[in-house]
PDB file of N, CA and C in Angstrom:
ATOM      1  N   MET A   1     -17.929  -9.420  -4.852  1.00  0.00           N
ATOM      2  CA  MET A   1     -16.601  -8.896  -5.045  1.00  0.00           C
ATOM      3  C   MET A   1     -16.013  -9.455  -6.286  1.00  0.00           C
ATOM      4  N   PRO A   2     -15.935  -8.522  -7.178  1.00  0.00           N
ATOM      5  CA  PRO A   2     -15.217  -9.097  -8.353  1.00  0.00           C
ATOM      6  C   PRO A   2     -13.719  -9.299  -8.344  1.00  0.00           C
ATOM      7  N   ARG A   3     -13.290 -10.398  -9.048  1.00  0.00           N
ATOM      8  CA  ARG A   3     -11.772 -10.627  -9.085  1.00  0.00           C
ATOM      9  C   ARG A   3     -11.071  -9.719 -10.276  1.00  0.00           C
ATOM     10  N   GLU A   4     -11.751  -9.211 -11.077  1.00  0.00           N
ATOM     11  CA  GLU A   4     -11.399  -8.377 -12.132  1.00  0.00           C
ATOM     12  C   GLU A   4     -12.251  -7.269 -12.484  1.00  0.00           C
ATOM     13  N   TRP A   5     -11.691  -6.071 -12.876  1.00  0.00           N
ATOM     14  CA  TRP A   5     -12.534  -5.015 -13.058  1.00  0.00           C
ATOM     15  C   TRP A   5     -12.433  -4.628 -14.701  1.00  0.00           C
ATOM     16  N   PRO A   6     -13.439  -4.187 -15.344  1.00  0.00           N
ATOM     17  CA  PRO A   6     -13.182  -3.705 -16.626  1.00  0.00           C
ATOM     18  C   PRO A   6     -12.800  -2.312 -16.678  1.00  0.00           C
ATOM     19  N   LEU A   7     -11.654  -2.043 -17.360  1.00  0.00           N
ATOM     20  CA  LEU A   7     -11.051  -0.753 -17.423  1.00  0.00           C
ATOM     21  C   LEU A   7     -10.682  -0.526 -18.859  1.00  0.00           C
ATOM     22  N   PHE A   8     -11.386   0.330 -19.523  1.00  0.00           N
ATOM     23  CA  PHE A   8     -10.988   0.513 -20.976  1.00  0.00           C
ATOM     24  C   PHE A   8     -10.918  -0.643 -21.827  1.00  0.00           C
ATOM     25  N   ASP A   9     -12.079  -1.558 -21.619  1.00  0.00           N
ATOM     26  CA  ASP A   9     -12.266  -2.815 -22.396  1.00  0.00           C
ATOM     27  C   ASP A   9     -11.017  -3.762 -22.064  1.00  0.00           C
ATOM     28  N   ALA A  10     -10.375  -3.767 -20.892  1.00  0.00           N
ATOM     29  CA  ALA A  10      -9.490  -4.643 -20.469  1.00  0.00           C
ATOM     30  C   ALA A  10      -9.731  -5.324 -19.206  1.00  0.00           C
ATOM     31  N   SER A  11      -9.549  -6.482 -18.872  1.00  0.00           N
ATOM     32  CA  SER A  11      -9.823  -6.991 -17.433  1.00  0.00           C
ATOM     33  C   SER A  11      -8.652  -6.635 -16.633  1.00  0.00           C
ATOM     34  N   VAL A  12      -8.865  -5.966 -15.608  1.00  0.00           N
ATOM     35  CA  VAL A  12      -7.670  -5.514 -14.697  1.00  0.00           C
ATOM     36  C   VAL A  12      -7.917  -6.369 -13.532  1.00  0.00           C
ATOM     37  N   PRO A  13      -6.794  -7.051 -13.019  1.00  0.00           N
ATOM     38  CA  PRO A  13      -6.960  -7.704 -11.560  1.00  0.00           C
ATOM     39  C   PRO A  13      -7.195  -6.721 -10.399  1.00  0.00           C
ATOM     40  N   THR A  14      -7.957  -7.076  -9.494  1.00  0.00           N
ATOM     41  CA  THR A  14      -8.355  -6.415  -8.363  1.00  0.00           C
ATOM     42  C   THR A  14      -7.021  -6.004  -7.612  1.00  0.00           C
ATOM     43  N   LEU A  15      -6.194  -6.831  -7.527  1.00  0.00           N
ATOM     44  CA  LEU A  15      -4.980  -6.634  -6.782  1.00  0.00           C
ATOM     45  C   LEU A  15      -4.059  -5.665  -7.328  1.00  0.00           C
ATOM     46  N   LEU A  16      -4.055  -5.373  -8.579  1.00  0.00           N
ATOM     47  CA  LEU A  16      -3.453  -4.295  -9.243  1.00  0.00           C
ATOM     48  C   LEU A  16      -3.999  -3.014  -8.736  1.00  0.00           C
ATOM     49  N   LEU A  17      -5.450  -2.947  -8.619  1.00  0.00           N
ATOM     50  CA  LEU A  17      -6.079  -1.611  -8.148  1.00  0.00           C
ATOM     51  C   LEU A  17      -5.618  -1.568  -6.748  1.00  0.00           C
ATOM     52  N   ILE A  18      -5.709  -2.415  -5.960  1.00  0.00           N
ATOM     53  CA  ILE A  18      -5.272  -2.329  -4.526  1.00  0.00           C
ATOM     54  C   ILE A  18      -3.834  -1.989  -4.302  1.00  0.00           C
ATOM     55  N   LEU A  19      -2.945  -2.519  -5.284  1.00  0.00           N
ATOM     56  CA  LEU A  19      -1.637  -1.970  -5.294  1.00  0.00           C
ATOM     57  C   LEU A  19      -1.496  -0.524  -5.502  1.00  0.00           C
ATOM     58  N   PHE A  20      -2.111   0.059  -6.400  1.00  0.00           N
ATOM     59  CA  PHE A  20      -2.220   1.411  -6.559  1.00  0.00           C
ATOM     60  C   PHE A  20      -2.764   2.293  -5.377  1.00  0.00           C
ATOM     61  N   ALA A  21      -3.859   1.740  -4.885  1.00  0.00           N
ATOM     62  CA  ALA A  21      -4.307   2.415  -3.611  1.00  0.00           C
ATOM     63  C   ALA A  21      -3.353   2.424  -2.550  1.00  0.00           C
ATOM     64  N   SER A  22      -2.504   1.198  -2.418  1.00  0.00           N
ATOM     65  CA  SER A  22      -1.538   0.991  -1.369  1.00  0.00           C
ATOM     66  C   SER A  22      -0.401   2.133  -1.621  1.00  0.00           C
ATOM     67  N   VAL A  23      -0.101   2.199  -2.808  1.00  0.00           N
ATOM     68  CA  VAL A  23       0.947   3.254  -3.050  1.00  0.00           C
ATOM     69  C   VAL A  23       0.556   4.626  -2.680  1.00  0.00           C
ATOM     70  N   ILE A  24      -0.689   5.037  -2.982  1.00  0.00           N
ATOM     71  CA  ILE A  24      -1.279   6.310  -2.654  1.00  0.00           C
ATOM     72  C   ILE A  24      -1.351   6.441  -1.175  1.00  0.00           C
ATOM     73  N   ALA A  25      -1.785   5.476  -0.350  1.00  0.00           N
ATOM     74  CA  ALA A  25      -1.908   5.420   0.978  1.00  0.00           C
ATOM     75  C   ALA A  25      -0.506   5.545   1.694  1.00  0.00           C
ATOM     76  N   TYR A  26       0.526   4.800   1.194  1.00  0.00           N
ATOM     77  CA  TYR A  26       1.798   4.915   1.655  1.00  0.00           C
ATOM     78  C   TYR A  26       2.378   6.218   1.444  1.00  0.00           C
ATOM     79  N   ALA A  27       2.170   6.845   0.210  1.00  0.00           N
ATOM     80  CA  ALA A  27       2.690   8.176  -0.037  1.00  0.00           C
ATOM     81  C   ALA A  27       2.218   9.300   0.971  1.00  0.00           C
ATOM     82  N   LEU A  28       0.886   9.094   1.182  1.00  0.00           N
ATOM     83  CA  LEU A  28       0.121  10.134   2.113  1.00  0.00           C
ATOM     84  C   LEU A  28       0.722   9.888   3.481  1.00  0.00           C
ATOM     85  N   LEU A  29       0.982   8.636   3.924  1.00  0.00           N
ATOM     86  CA  LEU A  29       1.501   8.402   5.252  1.00  0.00           C
ATOM     87  C   LEU A  29       2.949   8.689   5.352  1.00  0.00           C
ATOM     88  N   ALA A  30       3.660   8.610   4.345  1.00  0.00           N
ATOM     89  CA  ALA A  30       5.143   9.105   4.381  1.00  0.00           C
ATOM     90  C   ALA A  30       5.219  10.598   4.360  1.00  0.00           C
ATOM     91  N   GLU A  31       4.310  11.119   3.759  1.00  0.00           N
ATOM     92  CA  GLU A  31       4.315  12.705   3.771  1.00  0.00           C
ATOM     93  C   GLU A  31       3.775  13.260   5.099  1.00  0.00           C
ATOM     94  N   TRP A  32       2.870  12.596   5.719  1.00  0.00           N
ATOM     95  CA  TRP A  32       2.525  12.894   6.995  1.00  0.00           C
ATOM     96  C   TRP A  32       3.532  12.681   8.073  1.00  0.00           C
ATOM     97  N   THR A  33       4.281  11.707   7.985  1.00  0.00           N
ATOM     98  CA  THR A  33       5.258  11.417   9.188  1.00  0.00           C
ATOM     99  C   THR A  33       6.715  11.796   8.737  1.00  0.00           C
ATOM    100  N   ARG A  34       6.923  12.629   7.704  1.00  0.00           N
ATOM    101  CA  ARG A  34       8.203  13.071   7.157  1.00  0.00           C
ATOM    102  C   ARG A  34       8.909  13.750   8.114  1.00  0.00           C
ATOM    103  N   ASN A  35       8.301  14.702   8.850  1.00  0.00           N
ATOM    104  CA  ASN A  35       9.039  15.534   9.732  1.00  0.00           C
ATOM    105  C   ASN A  35       9.292  14.973  11.172  1.00  0.00           C
ATOM    106  N   LEU A  36       8.808  13.730  11.480  1.00  0.00           N
ATOM    107  CA  LEU A  36       8.887  13.036  12.640  1.00  0.00           C
ATOM    108  C   LEU A  36      10.337  12.151  12.622  1.00  0.00           C
ATOM    109  N   PRO A  37      11.091  12.379  13.771  1.00  0.00           N
ATOM    110  CA  PRO A  37      12.413  11.636  13.936  1.00  0.00           C
ATOM    111  C   PRO A  37      12.086  10.085  14.095  1.00  0.00           C
ATOM    112  N   LEU A  38      11.459   9.407  13.308  1.00  0.00           N
ATOM    113  CA  LEU A  38      11.215   7.936  13.431  1.00  0.00           C
ATOM    114  C   LEU A  38      12.476   7.189  12.797  1.00  0.00           C
ATOM    115  N   GLU A  39      13.135   7.643  11.892  1.00  0.00           N
ATOM    116  CA  GLU A  39      14.247   6.936  11.332  1.00  0.00           C
ATOM    117  C   GLU A  39      15.469   6.580  12.306  1.00  0.00           C
ATOM    118  N   ARG A  40      15.588   7.546  13.209  1.00  0.00           N
ATOM    119  CA  ARG A  40      16.685   7.377  14.267  1.00  0.00           C
ATOM    120  C   ARG A  40      16.558   6.331  15.052  1.00  0.00           C
ATOM    121  N   TRP A  41      15.271   5.667  15.256  1.00  0.00           N
ATOM    122  CA  TRP A  41      15.111   4.529  16.155  1.00  0.00           C
ATOM    123  C   TRP A  41      14.893   3.154  15.411  1.00  0.00           C
ATOM    124  N   VAL A  42      15.226   3.011  14.202  1.00  0.00           N
ATOM    125  CA  VAL A  42      15.181   1.809  13.459  1.00  0.00           C
ATOM    126  C   VAL A  42      16.421   1.498  12.943  1.00  0.00           C
ATOM    127  N   TRP A  43      16.687   0.285  12.861  1.00  0.00           N
ATOM    128  CA  TRP A  43      18.138  -0.173  12.349  1.00  0.00           C
ATOM    129  C   TRP A  43      18.320   0.051  10.848  1.00  0.00           C
ATOM    130  N   HIS A  44      17.166  -0.285  10.070  1.00  0.00           N
ATOM    131  CA  HIS A  44      17.333  -0.089   8.617  1.00  0.00           C
ATOM    132  C   HIS A  44      16.107   0.535   8.101  1.00  0.00           C
ATOM    133  N   PRO A  45      16.033   1.877   7.877  1.00  0.00           N
ATOM    134  CA  PRO A  45      14.840   2.677   7.664  1.00  0.00           C
ATOM    135  C   PRO A  45      14.270   2.200   6.246  1.00  0.00           C
ATOM    136  N   ALA A  46      14.990   1.733   5.106  1.00  0.00           N
ATOM    137  CA  ALA A  46      14.378   1.064   4.070  1.00  0.00           C
ATOM    138  C   ALA A  46      13.439   0.036   4.140  1.00  0.00           C
ATOM    139  N   LEU A  47      14.100  -0.895   5.018  1.00  0.00           N
ATOM    140  CA  LEU A  47      13.303  -2.074   5.416  1.00  0.00           C
ATOM    141  C   LEU A  47      12.039  -1.802   6.100  1.00  0.00           C
ATOM    142  N   VAL A  48      12.142  -0.793   6.975  1.00  0.00           N
ATOM    143  CA  VAL A  48      10.884  -0.460   7.756  1.00  0.00           C
ATOM    144  C   VAL A  48       9.857   0.132   6.871  1.00  0.00           C
ATOM    145  N   ARG A  49      10.253   1.054   5.908  1.00  0.00           N
ATOM    146  CA  ARG A  49       9.407   1.647   4.954  1.00  0.00           C
ATOM    147  C   ARG A  49       8.782   0.437   4.041  1.00  0.00           C
ATOM    148  N   PHE A  50       9.505  -0.490   3.681  1.00  0.00           N
ATOM    149  CA  PHE A  50       9.035  -1.537   2.758  1.00  0.00           C
ATOM    150  C   PHE A  50       7.912  -2.276   3.645  1.00  0.00           C
ATOM    151  N   ALA A  51       8.298  -2.570   4.865  1.00  0.00           N
ATOM    152  CA  ALA A  51       7.485  -3.404   5.739  1.00  0.00           C
ATOM    153  C   ALA A  51       6.074  -2.685   6.071  1.00  0.00           C
ATOM    154  N   VAL A  52       6.200  -1.418   6.080  1.00  0.00           N
ATOM    155  CA  VAL A  52       4.990  -0.640   6.337  1.00  0.00           C
ATOM    156  C   VAL A  52       4.083  -0.638   4.935  1.00  0.00           C
ATOM    157  N   PHE A  53       4.647  -0.600   3.811  1.00  0.00           N
ATOM    158  CA  PHE A  53       3.992  -0.778   2.470  1.00  0.00           C
ATOM    159  C   PHE A  53       3.261  -2.035   2.438  1.00  0.00           C
ATOM    160  N   VAL A  54       4.005  -3.075   2.796  1.00  0.00           N
ATOM    161  CA  VAL A  54       3.588  -4.496   2.746  1.00  0.00           C
ATOM    162  C   VAL A  54       2.223  -4.636   3.813  1.00  0.00           C
ATOM    163  N   CYS A  55       2.544  -4.026   4.954  1.00  0.00           N
ATOM    164  CA  CYS A  55       1.238  -4.096   5.829  1.00  0.00           C
ATOM    165  C   CYS A  55       0.131  -3.285   5.250  1.00  0.00           C
ATOM    166  N   ILE A  56       0.438  -2.280   4.697  1.00  0.00           N
ATOM    167  CA  ILE A  56      -0.838  -1.444   4.015  1.00  0.00           C
ATOM    168  C   ILE A  56      -1.547  -2.287   2.935  1.00  0.00           C
ATOM    169  N   PHE A  57      -0.625  -2.883   2.045  1.00  0.00           N
ATOM    170  CA  PHE A  57      -1.219  -3.672   1.015  1.00  0.00           C
ATOM    171  C   PHE A  57      -1.871  -4.880   1.482  1.00  0.00           C
ATOM    172  N   ALA A  58      -1.305  -5.442   2.430  1.00  0.00           N
ATOM    173  CA  ALA A  58      -1.994  -6.843   2.997  1.00  0.00           C
ATOM    174  C   ALA A  58      -3.334  -6.423   3.695  1.00  0.00           C
ATOM    175  N   ALA A  59      -3.185  -5.222   4.484  1.00  0.00           N
ATOM    176  CA  ALA A  59      -4.519  -4.745   5.022  1.00  0.00           C
ATOM    177  C   ALA A  59      -5.589  -4.355   4.022  1.00  0.00           C
ATOM    178  N   LEU A  60      -5.248  -3.777   3.107  1.00  0.00           N
ATOM    179  CA  LEU A  60      -6.327  -3.471   1.945  1.00  0.00           C
ATOM    180  C   LEU A  60      -6.828  -4.694   1.278  1.00  0.00           C
ATOM    181  N   GLY A  61      -5.722  -5.618   0.944  1.00  0.00           N
ATOM    182  CA  GLY A  61      -6.287  -6.957   0.331  1.00  0.00           C
ATOM    183  C   GLY A  61      -7.127  -7.874   1.003  1.00  0.00           C
ATOM    184  N   GLY A  62      -6.666  -7.732   2.393  1.00  0.00           N
ATOM    185  CA  GLY A  62      -7.540  -8.662   3.345  1.00  0.00           C
ATOM    186  C   GLY A  62      -8.925  -7.957   3.551  1.00  0.00           C
ATOM    187  N   TRP A  63      -8.928  -6.818   3.564  1.00  0.00           N
ATOM    188  CA  TRP A  63     -10.274  -6.240   3.693  1.00  0.00           C
ATOM    189  C   TRP A  63     -11.100  -6.408   2.362  1.00  0.00           C
ATOM    190  N   TRP A  64     -10.517  -6.364   1.273  1.00  0.00           N
ATOM    191  CA  TRP A  64     -11.199  -6.619   0.067  1.00  0.00           C
ATOM    192  C   TRP A  64     -11.759  -7.995  -0.211  1.00  0.00           C
ATOM    193  N   TYR A  65     -10.924  -8.820   0.268  1.00  0.00           N
ATOM    194  CA  TYR A  65     -11.166 -10.331  -0.149  1.00  0.00           C
ATOM    195  C   TYR A  65     -11.599 -11.165   1.137  1.00  0.00           C
ATOM    196  N   ARG A  66     -12.097 -10.349   2.175  1.00  0.00           N
ATOM    197  CA  ARG A  66     -12.543 -11.196   3.455  1.00  0.00           C
ATOM    198  C   ARG A  66     -13.697 -12.073   3.128  1.00  0.00           C
TER     199      ARG A  66
END
């Protein structure tokens, strides 16, 4: 598992690519759960959204660097 990927003659850290994949996965998850009334059950919806994003990022990073 490489730590850096060549992209247009520049070395890009793998965590940056994992960050982009996490943003896409979070956007798909947010779109999928948009019509569900989940936000009325939490105290701070923005904090829950951020925590979900961090969980996705950590899961993808842990899967890649296992």
